[in-house]
Amino acid sequence: MNSEQTASVLVLLAEIRPEVDYRASEDYLGEGLLDSFDVVTLVHDLEQTFGVSIDGADIIPEYFANLDAIGALLHKNGVDA
């Protein structure tokens, strides 16, 4: 992800849980920073923000572990860096 995309994802994450420092974590789900409902919300927000459709098969914990993983998910679903 480029810096603008990263900033956009951080804004979306902050809208879900503003008290969390997402840059300091490497495993959002494992550390309890996001739950399954948060992931559903994030997928919807990513689709709206980036104009993509995220395949249901891609909604797995590995793609929501951290910023790099979310970037990989976006790239896989058509967002260029």
C-alpha atoms as a PDB file:
ATOM      1  CA  MET A   1       0.000   0.000   0.000  1.00  0.00           C
ATOM      2  CA  ASN A   2       1.152   3.498  -0.612  1.00  0.00           C
ATOM      3  CA  SER A   3       1.083   6.072   2.185  1.00  0.00           C
ATOM      4  CA  GLU A   4      -2.280   7.516   1.112  1.00  0.00           C
ATOM      5  CA  GLN A   5      -3.875   4.065   1.122  1.00  0.00           C
ATOM      6  CA  THR A   6      -2.308   3.289   4.489  1.00  0.00           C
ATOM      7  CA  ALA A   7      -3.707   6.520   5.907  1.00  0.00           C
ATOM      8  CA  SER A   8      -7.160   5.639   4.542  1.00  0.00           C
ATOM      9  CA  VAL A   9      -7.061   2.182   6.129  1.00  0.00           C
ATOM     10  CA  LEU A  10      -5.933   3.672   9.449  1.00  0.00           C
ATOM     11  CA  VAL A  11      -8.889   6.081   9.348  1.00  0.00           C
ATOM     12  CA  LEU A  12     -11.273   3.178   8.733  1.00  0.00           C
ATOM     13  CA  LEU A  13      -9.754   1.198  11.588  1.00  0.00           C
ATOM     14  CA  ALA A  14      -9.944   4.213  13.911  1.00  0.00           C
ATOM     15  CA  GLU A  15     -13.639   4.573  13.098  1.00  0.00           C
ATOM     16  CA  ILE A  16     -14.154   1.008  14.307  1.00  0.00           C
ATOM     17  CA  ARG A  17     -12.034   1.228  17.473  1.00  0.00           C
ATOM     18  CA  PRO A  18     -10.539   4.691  18.003  1.00  0.00           C
ATOM     19  CA  GLU A  19      -8.705   3.740  21.202  1.00  0.00           C
ATOM     20  CA  VAL A  20      -6.355   1.307  19.443  1.00  0.00           C
ATOM     21  CA  ASP A  21      -2.870   2.053  18.073  1.00  0.00           C
ATOM     22  CA  TYR A  22      -2.962  -0.175  15.001  1.00  0.00           C
ATOM     23  CA  ARG A  23       0.585   0.699  13.949  1.00  0.00           C
ATOM     24  CA  ALA A  24       1.919  -0.902  17.140  1.00  0.00           C
ATOM     25  CA  SER A  25       0.346  -4.313  16.536  1.00  0.00           C
ATOM     26  CA  GLU A  26       1.258  -7.203  14.280  1.00  0.00           C
ATOM     27  CA  ASP A  27      -1.839  -9.315  15.001  1.00  0.00           C
ATOM     28  CA  TYR A  28      -5.084  -7.360  15.325  1.00  0.00           C
ATOM     29  CA  LEU A  29      -7.255 -10.435  15.803  1.00  0.00           C
ATOM     30  CA  GLY A  30      -4.833 -12.352  17.994  1.00  0.00           C
ATOM     31  CA  GLU A  31      -4.409  -9.375  20.314  1.00  0.00           C
ATOM     32  CA  GLY A  32      -8.160  -8.791  20.459  1.00  0.00           C
ATOM     33  CA  LEU A  33      -8.023  -5.413  18.728  1.00  0.00           C
ATOM     34  CA  LEU A  34     -10.621  -6.542  16.182  1.00  0.00           C
ATOM     35  CA  ASP A  35     -13.366  -9.135  16.467  1.00  0.00           C
ATOM     36  CA  SER A  36     -15.377 -10.877  13.765  1.00  0.00           C
ATOM     37  CA  PHE A  37     -18.021  -8.135  13.654  1.00  0.00           C
ATOM     38  CA  ASP A  38     -15.254  -5.541  13.260  1.00  0.00           C
ATOM     39  CA  VAL A  39     -13.858  -7.517  10.319  1.00  0.00           C
ATOM     40  CA  VAL A  40     -17.255  -7.518   8.589  1.00  0.00           C
ATOM     41  CA  THR A  41     -17.499  -3.766   9.134  1.00  0.00           C
ATOM     42  CA  LEU A  42     -13.948  -3.260   7.866  1.00  0.00           C
ATOM     43  CA  VAL A  43     -14.584  -5.328   4.726  1.00  0.00           C
ATOM     44  CA  HIS A  44     -17.619  -3.193   3.910  1.00  0.00           C
ATOM     45  CA  ASP A  45     -15.677   0.017   4.552  1.00  0.00           C
ATOM     46  CA  LEU A  46     -12.705  -1.143   2.450  1.00  0.00           C
ATOM     47  CA  GLU A  47     -15.019  -2.018  -0.432  1.00  0.00           C
ATOM     48  CA  GLN A  48     -16.684   1.400  -0.267  1.00  0.00           C
ATOM     49  CA  THR A  49     -13.466   3.368   0.153  1.00  0.00           C
ATOM     50  CA  PHE A  50     -11.405   1.591  -2.489  1.00  0.00           C
ATOM     51  CA  GLY A  51     -14.194   0.679  -4.938  1.00  0.00           C
ATOM     52  CA  VAL A  52     -13.488  -3.044  -4.885  1.00  0.00           C
ATOM     53  CA  SER A  53     -15.399  -6.205  -4.135  1.00  0.00           C
ATOM     54  CA  ILE A  54     -13.589  -8.445  -1.671  1.00  0.00           C
ATOM     55  CA  ASP A  55     -14.159 -12.123  -2.346  1.00  0.00           C
ATOM     56  CA  GLY A  56     -15.742 -13.986   0.563  1.00  0.00           C
ATOM     57  CA  ALA A  57     -12.988 -16.597   0.340  1.00  0.00           C
ATOM     58  CA  ASP A  58     -10.524 -13.830   1.221  1.00  0.00           C
ATOM     59  CA  ILE A  59     -12.202 -13.002   4.513  1.00  0.00           C
ATOM     60  CA  ILE A  60      -9.775 -15.008   6.617  1.00  0.00           C
ATOM     61  CA  PRO A  61      -7.774 -13.995   9.697  1.00  0.00           C
ATOM     62  CA  GLU A  62      -4.483 -13.845   7.798  1.00  0.00           C
ATOM     63  CA  TYR A  63      -5.718 -10.867   5.760  1.00  0.00           C
ATOM     64  CA  PHE A  64      -6.707  -8.870   8.840  1.00  0.00           C
ATOM     65  CA  ALA A  65      -3.640  -9.380  11.032  1.00  0.00           C
ATOM     66  CA  ASN A  66      -2.032  -5.983  10.402  1.00  0.00           C
ATOM     67  CA  LEU A  67      -1.628  -3.149   7.899  1.00  0.00           C
ATOM     68  CA  ASP A  68       0.605  -5.189   5.594  1.00  0.00           C
ATOM     69  CA  ALA A  69      -1.920  -8.020   5.491  1.00  0.00           C
ATOM     70  CA  ILE A  70      -4.781  -5.638   4.738  1.00  0.00           C
ATOM     71  CA  GLY A  71      -2.621  -4.110   1.993  1.00  0.00           C
ATOM     72  CA  ALA A  72      -2.072  -7.573   0.508  1.00  0.00           C
ATOM     73  CA  LEU A  73      -5.824  -8.201   0.613  1.00  0.00           C
ATOM     74  CA  LEU A  74      -6.515  -4.930  -1.180  1.00  0.00           C
ATOM     75  CA  HIS A  75      -3.840  -5.644  -3.784  1.00  0.00           C
ATOM     76  CA  LYS A  76      -5.225  -9.141  -4.381  1.00  0.00           C
ATOM     77  CA  ASN A  77      -8.638  -7.612  -4.967  1.00  0.00           C
ATOM     78  CA  GLY A  78      -7.516  -5.007  -7.468  1.00  0.00           C
ATOM     79  CA  VAL A  79      -6.164  -2.006  -5.556  1.00  0.00           C
ATOM     80  CA  ASP A  80      -2.856  -0.883  -7.031  1.00  0.00           C
ATOM     81  CA  ALA A  81      -0.177   0.443  -4.711  1.00  0.00           C
END
